Amino acid sequence: MGAAGGVSFPDDAGRRDPARNTYMRCVGTHQAMIIEARVEHPDGDHEHYAIAREPVKGGLI
């Protein structure tokens, strides 16, 4: 068992567990990045989020 009563690895989740289709992906660098997240609910519905940072243009970071 993992944190909050979950499992430690995705393969340990039940075959129909919403966790199997829930994920977060990050692509990019510290200057330009996109984070994508998908959260599946027990009823099969899901929410999809995409968060982006505009590229840094000149100046100090």
PDB file of N, CA and C in Angstrom:
ATOM      1  N   MET A   1       0.830  -1.194   0.000  1.00  0.00           N
ATOM      2  CA  MET A   1       0.000   0.000   0.000  1.00  0.00           C
ATOM      3  C   MET A   1       0.867   1.248   0.000  1.00  0.00           C
ATOM      4  N   GLY A   2       0.444   2.245  -0.729  1.00  0.00           N
ATOM      5  CA  GLY A   2       1.167   3.503  -0.794  1.00  0.00           C
ATOM      6  C   GLY A   2       0.521   4.538   0.100  1.00  0.00           C
ATOM      7  N   ALA A   3       0.827   5.781  -0.170  1.00  0.00           N
ATOM      8  CA  ALA A   3       0.285   6.884   0.610  1.00  0.00           C
ATOM      9  C   ALA A   3      -1.231   6.938   0.475  1.00  0.00           C
ATOM     10  N   ALA A   4      -1.894   7.375   1.511  1.00  0.00           N
ATOM     11  CA  ALA A   4      -3.344   7.584   1.537  1.00  0.00           C
ATOM     12  C   ALA A   4      -4.127   6.327   1.154  1.00  0.00           C
ATOM     13  N   GLY A   5      -3.611   5.141   1.504  1.00  0.00           N
ATOM     14  CA  GLY A   5      -4.341   3.911   1.259  1.00  0.00           C
ATOM     15  C   GLY A   5      -4.288   3.434  -0.179  1.00  0.00           C
ATOM     16  N   GLY A   6      -3.472   4.059  -1.017  1.00  0.00           N
ATOM     17  CA  GLY A   6      -3.356   3.658  -2.417  1.00  0.00           C
ATOM     18  C   GLY A   6      -2.327   2.554  -2.588  1.00  0.00           C
ATOM     19  N   VAL A   7      -1.910   2.361  -3.821  1.00  0.00           N
ATOM     20  CA  VAL A   7      -0.895   1.357  -4.118  1.00  0.00           C
ATOM     21  C   VAL A   7       0.414   2.055  -4.452  1.00  0.00           C
ATOM     22  N   SER A   8       1.507   1.316  -4.373  1.00  0.00           N
ATOM     23  CA  SER A   8       2.822   1.902  -4.628  1.00  0.00           C
ATOM     24  C   SER A   8       3.159   1.995  -6.111  1.00  0.00           C
ATOM     25  N   PHE A   9       2.615   1.090  -6.923  1.00  0.00           N
ATOM     26  CA  PHE A   9       2.913   1.049  -8.348  1.00  0.00           C
ATOM     27  C   PHE A   9       1.615   0.960  -9.146  1.00  0.00           C
ATOM     28  N   PRO A  10       1.532   1.609 -10.310  1.00  0.00           N
ATOM     29  CA  PRO A  10       0.308   1.551 -11.122  1.00  0.00           C
ATOM     30  C   PRO A  10      -0.128   0.120 -11.448  1.00  0.00           C
ATOM     31  N   ASP A  11       0.830  -0.775 -11.656  1.00  0.00           N
ATOM     32  CA  ASP A  11       0.480  -2.162 -11.981  1.00  0.00           C
ATOM     33  C   ASP A  11      -0.238  -2.872 -10.834  1.00  0.00           C
ATOM     34  N   ASP A  12      -0.125  -2.330  -9.618  1.00  0.00           N
ATOM     35  CA  ASP A  12      -0.783  -2.934  -8.463  1.00  0.00           C
ATOM     36  C   ASP A  12      -2.238  -2.488  -8.329  1.00  0.00           C
ATOM     37  N   ALA A  13      -2.657  -1.495  -9.101  1.00  0.00           N
ATOM     38  CA  ALA A  13      -4.043  -1.018  -9.058  1.00  0.00           C
ATOM     39  C   ALA A  13      -4.935  -2.033  -9.764  1.00  0.00           C
ATOM     40  N   GLY A  14      -6.173  -2.121  -9.331  1.00  0.00           N
ATOM     41  CA  GLY A  14      -7.123  -3.035  -9.957  1.00  0.00           C
ATOM     42  C   GLY A  14      -7.316  -2.725 -11.439  1.00  0.00           C
ATOM     43  N   ARG A  15      -7.764  -3.724 -12.177  1.00  0.00           N
ATOM     44  CA  ARG A  15      -7.908  -3.579 -13.627  1.00  0.00           C
ATOM     45  C   ARG A  15      -8.823  -2.425 -14.024  1.00  0.00           C
ATOM     46  N   ARG A  16      -9.860  -2.180 -13.268  1.00  0.00           N
ATOM     47  CA  ARG A  16     -10.813  -1.111 -13.586  1.00  0.00           C
ATOM     48  C   ARG A  16     -10.627   0.123 -12.700  1.00  0.00           C
ATOM     49  N   ASP A  17      -9.544   0.170 -11.970  1.00  0.00           N
ATOM     50  CA  ASP A  17      -9.269   1.301 -11.077  1.00  0.00           C
ATOM     51  C   ASP A  17      -9.017   2.565 -11.895  1.00  0.00           C
ATOM     52  N   PRO A  18      -9.664   3.695 -11.541  1.00  0.00           N
ATOM     53  CA  PRO A  18      -9.451   4.950 -12.273  1.00  0.00           C
ATOM     54  C   PRO A  18      -7.988   5.389 -12.305  1.00  0.00           C
ATOM     55  N   ALA A  19      -7.193   4.934 -11.347  1.00  0.00           N
ATOM     56  CA  ALA A  19      -5.780   5.324 -11.307  1.00  0.00           C
ATOM     57  C   ALA A  19      -5.023   4.856 -12.544  1.00  0.00           C
ATOM     58  N   ARG A  20      -5.502   3.835 -13.199  1.00  0.00           N
ATOM     59  CA  ARG A  20      -4.819   3.331 -14.398  1.00  0.00           C
ATOM     60  C   ARG A  20      -4.845   4.342 -15.538  1.00  0.00           C
ATOM     61  N   ASN A  21      -5.842   5.226 -15.560  1.00  0.00           N
ATOM     62  CA  ASN A  21      -5.950   6.228 -16.624  1.00  0.00           C
ATOM     63  C   ASN A  21      -5.745   7.644 -16.108  1.00  0.00           C
ATOM     64  N   THR A  22      -5.134   7.766 -14.942  1.00  0.00           N
ATOM     65  CA  THR A  22      -4.825   9.063 -14.358  1.00  0.00           C
ATOM     66  C   THR A  22      -3.324   9.275 -14.483  1.00  0.00           C
ATOM     67  N   TYR A  23      -2.927  10.436 -15.000  1.00  0.00           N
ATOM     68  CA  TYR A  23      -1.492  10.661 -15.192  1.00  0.00           C
ATOM     69  C   TYR A  23      -1.148  12.143 -15.172  1.00  0.00           C
ATOM     70  N   MET A  24       0.135  12.418 -15.064  1.00  0.00           N
ATOM     71  CA  MET A  24       0.670  13.772 -15.178  1.00  0.00           C
ATOM     72  C   MET A  24       1.933  13.684 -16.019  1.00  0.00           C
ATOM     73  N   ARG A  25       2.057  14.582 -16.999  1.00  0.00           N
ATOM     74  CA  ARG A  25       3.249  14.624 -17.858  1.00  0.00           C
ATOM     75  C   ARG A  25       3.801  16.033 -17.850  1.00  0.00           C
ATOM     76  N   CYS A  26       5.104  16.138 -17.823  1.00  0.00           N
ATOM     77  CA  CYS A  26       5.794  17.428 -17.888  1.00  0.00           C
ATOM     78  C   CYS A  26       6.767  17.385 -19.057  1.00  0.00           C
ATOM     79  N   VAL A  27       6.754  18.433 -19.881  1.00  0.00           N
ATOM     80  CA  VAL A  27       7.638  18.520 -21.039  1.00  0.00           C
ATOM     81  C   VAL A  27       8.203  19.924 -21.098  1.00  0.00           C
ATOM     82  N   GLY A  28       9.488  20.040 -21.365  1.00  0.00           N
ATOM     83  CA  GLY A  28      10.094  21.346 -21.546  1.00  0.00           C
ATOM     84  C   GLY A  28      11.283  21.565 -20.637  1.00  0.00           C
ATOM     85  N   THR A  29      11.588  22.841 -20.444  1.00  0.00           N
ATOM     86  CA  THR A  29      12.719  23.246 -19.621  1.00  0.00           C
ATOM     87  C   THR A  29      12.247  24.285 -18.615  1.00  0.00           C
ATOM     88  N   HIS A  30      13.189  24.817 -17.839  1.00  0.00           N
ATOM     89  CA  HIS A  30      12.832  25.860 -16.878  1.00  0.00           C
ATOM     90  C   HIS A  30      12.404  27.144 -17.584  1.00  0.00           C
ATOM     91  N   GLN A  31      12.679  27.258 -18.874  1.00  0.00           N
ATOM     92  CA  GLN A  31      12.312  28.473 -19.610  1.00  0.00           C
ATOM     93  C   GLN A  31      10.976  28.356 -20.334  1.00  0.00           C
ATOM     94  N   ALA A  32      10.570  27.176 -20.704  1.00  0.00           N
ATOM     95  CA  ALA A  32       9.295  26.962 -21.390  1.00  0.00           C
ATOM     96  C   ALA A  32       8.829  25.544 -21.077  1.00  0.00           C
ATOM     97  N   MET A  33       7.696  25.417 -20.415  1.00  0.00           N
ATOM     98  CA  MET A  33       7.260  24.102 -19.953  1.00  0.00           C
ATOM     99  C   MET A  33       5.752  23.948 -20.108  1.00  0.00           C
ATOM    100  N   ILE A  34       5.319  22.703 -20.326  1.00  0.00           N
ATOM    101  CA  ILE A  34       3.902  22.353 -20.338  1.00  0.00           C
ATOM    102  C   ILE A  34       3.712  21.196 -19.363  1.00  0.00           C
ATOM    103  N   ILE A  35       2.678  21.300 -18.548  1.00  0.00           N
ATOM    104  CA  ILE A  35       2.299  20.216 -17.649  1.00  0.00           C
ATOM    105  C   ILE A  35       0.894  19.793 -18.053  1.00  0.00           C
ATOM    106  N   GLU A  36       0.719  18.514 -18.282  1.00  0.00           N
ATOM    107  CA  GLU A  36      -0.575  17.967 -18.671  1.00  0.00           C
ATOM    108  C   GLU A  36      -0.994  16.965 -17.609  1.00  0.00           C
ATOM    109  N   ALA A  37      -2.240  17.046 -17.176  1.00  0.00           N
ATOM    110  CA  ALA A  37      -2.741  16.112 -16.169  1.00  0.00           C
ATOM    111  C   ALA A  37      -4.117  15.613 -16.584  1.00  0.00           C
ATOM    112  N   ARG A  38      -4.353  14.332 -16.356  1.00  0.00           N
ATOM    113  CA  ARG A  38      -5.653  13.725 -16.626  1.00  0.00           C
ATOM    114  C   ARG A  38      -6.057  12.971 -15.369  1.00  0.00           C
ATOM    115  N   VAL A  39      -7.263  13.249 -14.888  1.00  0.00           N
ATOM    116  CA  VAL A  39      -7.770  12.606 -13.679  1.00  0.00           C
ATOM    117  C   VAL A  39      -9.063  11.880 -14.041  1.00  0.00           C
ATOM    118  N   GLU A  40      -9.049  10.571 -13.918  1.00  0.00           N
ATOM    119  CA  GLU A  40     -10.251   9.793 -14.217  1.00  0.00           C
ATOM    120  C   GLU A  40     -11.028   9.552 -12.932  1.00  0.00           C
ATOM    121  N   HIS A  41     -12.354   9.606 -13.043  1.00  0.00           N
ATOM    122  CA  HIS A  41     -13.246   9.393 -11.903  1.00  0.00           C
ATOM    123  C   HIS A  41     -13.809   7.972 -11.949  1.00  0.00           C
ATOM    124  N   PRO A  42     -14.288   7.467 -10.815  1.00  0.00           N
ATOM    125  CA  PRO A  42     -14.820   6.098 -10.774  1.00  0.00           C
ATOM    126  C   PRO A  42     -15.946   5.836 -11.776  1.00  0.00           C
ATOM    127  N   ASP A  43     -16.705   6.874 -12.151  1.00  0.00           N
ATOM    128  CA  ASP A  43     -17.805   6.674 -13.108  1.00  0.00           C
ATOM    129  C   ASP A  43     -17.326   6.655 -14.561  1.00  0.00           C
ATOM    130  N   GLY A  44     -16.006   6.771 -14.786  1.00  0.00           N
ATOM    131  CA  GLY A  44     -15.456   6.745 -16.139  1.00  0.00           C
ATOM    132  C   GLY A  44     -15.269   8.119 -16.748  1.00  0.00           C
ATOM    133  N   ASP A  45     -15.894   9.133 -16.163  1.00  0.00           N
ATOM    134  CA  ASP A  45     -15.707  10.504 -16.636  1.00  0.00           C
ATOM    135  C   ASP A  45     -14.296  10.953 -16.255  1.00  0.00           C
ATOM    136  N   HIS A  46     -13.800  11.998 -16.902  1.00  0.00           N
ATOM    137  CA  HIS A  46     -12.460  12.469 -16.561  1.00  0.00           C
ATOM    138  C   HIS A  46     -12.345  13.976 -16.747  1.00  0.00           C
ATOM    139  N   GLU A  47     -11.317  14.525 -16.134  1.00  0.00           N
ATOM    140  CA  GLU A  47     -10.961  15.932 -16.299  1.00  0.00           C
ATOM    141  C   GLU A  47      -9.565  15.969 -16.887  1.00  0.00           C
ATOM    142  N   HIS A  48      -9.334  16.927 -17.773  1.00  0.00           N
ATOM    143  CA  HIS A  48      -8.037  17.047 -18.430  1.00  0.00           C
ATOM    144  C   HIS A  48      -7.564  18.484 -18.242  1.00  0.00           C
ATOM    145  N   TYR A  49      -6.327  18.649 -17.793  1.00  0.00           N
ATOM    146  CA  TYR A  49      -5.757  19.967 -17.553  1.00  0.00           C
ATOM    147  C   TYR A  49      -4.466  20.113 -18.348  1.00  0.00           C
ATOM    148  N   ALA A  50      -4.239  21.294 -18.893  1.00  0.00           N
ATOM    149  CA  ALA A  50      -2.965  21.616 -19.544  1.00  0.00           C
ATOM    150  C   ALA A  50      -2.536  22.980 -19.027  1.00  0.00           C
ATOM    151  N   ILE A  51      -1.341  23.023 -18.473  1.00  0.00           N
ATOM    152  CA  ILE A  51      -0.807  24.251 -17.895  1.00  0.00           C
ATOM    153  C   ILE A  51       0.496  24.553 -18.609  1.00  0.00           C
ATOM    154  N   ALA A  52       0.656  25.783 -19.078  1.00  0.00           N
ATOM    155  CA  ALA A  52       1.865  26.134 -19.821  1.00  0.00           C
ATOM    156  C   ALA A  52       2.487  27.398 -19.254  1.00  0.00           C
ATOM    157  N   ARG A  53       3.768  27.469 -19.441  1.00  0.00           N
ATOM    158  CA  ARG A  53       4.485  28.684 -19.089  1.00  0.00           C
ATOM    159  C   ARG A  53       5.010  29.282 -20.379  1.00  0.00           C
ATOM    160  N   GLU A  54       4.788  30.567 -20.542  1.00  0.00           N
ATOM    161  CA  GLU A  54       5.311  31.237 -21.727  1.00  0.00           C
ATOM    162  C   GLU A  54       6.828  31.226 -21.678  1.00  0.00           C
ATOM    163  N   PRO A  55       7.474  31.200 -22.844  1.00  0.00           N
ATOM    164  CA  PRO A  55       8.940  31.233 -22.864  1.00  0.00           C
ATOM    165  C   PRO A  55       9.484  32.485 -22.174  1.00  0.00           C
ATOM    166  N   VAL A  56      10.589  32.324 -21.475  1.00  0.00           N
ATOM    167  CA  VAL A  56      11.266  33.454 -20.842  1.00  0.00           C
ATOM    168  C   VAL A  56      12.012  34.216 -21.921  1.00  0.00           C
ATOM    169  N   LYS A  57      11.832  35.538 -21.948  1.00  0.00           N
ATOM    170  CA  LYS A  57      12.472  36.357 -22.984  1.00  0.00           C
ATOM    171  C   LYS A  57      13.433  37.344 -22.348  1.00  0.00           C
ATOM    172  N   GLY A  58      14.719  37.031 -22.425  1.00  0.00           N
ATOM    173  CA  GLY A  58      15.754  37.945 -21.933  1.00  0.00           C
ATOM    174  C   GLY A  58      15.662  38.216 -20.444  1.00  0.00           C
ATOM    175  N   GLY A  59      16.534  39.048 -19.959  1.00  0.00           N
ATOM    176  CA  GLY A  59      16.533  39.430 -18.552  1.00  0.00           C
ATOM    177  C   GLY A  59      17.018  38.314 -17.650  1.00  0.00           C
ATOM    178  N   LEU A  60      17.015  38.586 -16.375  1.00  0.00           N
ATOM    179  CA  LEU A  60      17.451  37.605 -15.383  1.00  0.00           C
ATOM    180  C   LEU A  60      16.281  36.733 -14.973  1.00  0.00           C
ATOM    181  N   ILE A  61      16.589  35.505 -14.654  1.00  0.00           N
ATOM    182  CA  ILE A  61      15.540  34.577 -14.207  1.00  0.00           C
ATOM    183  C   ILE A  61      15.486  34.594 -12.702  1.00  0.00           C
TER     184      ILE A  61
END
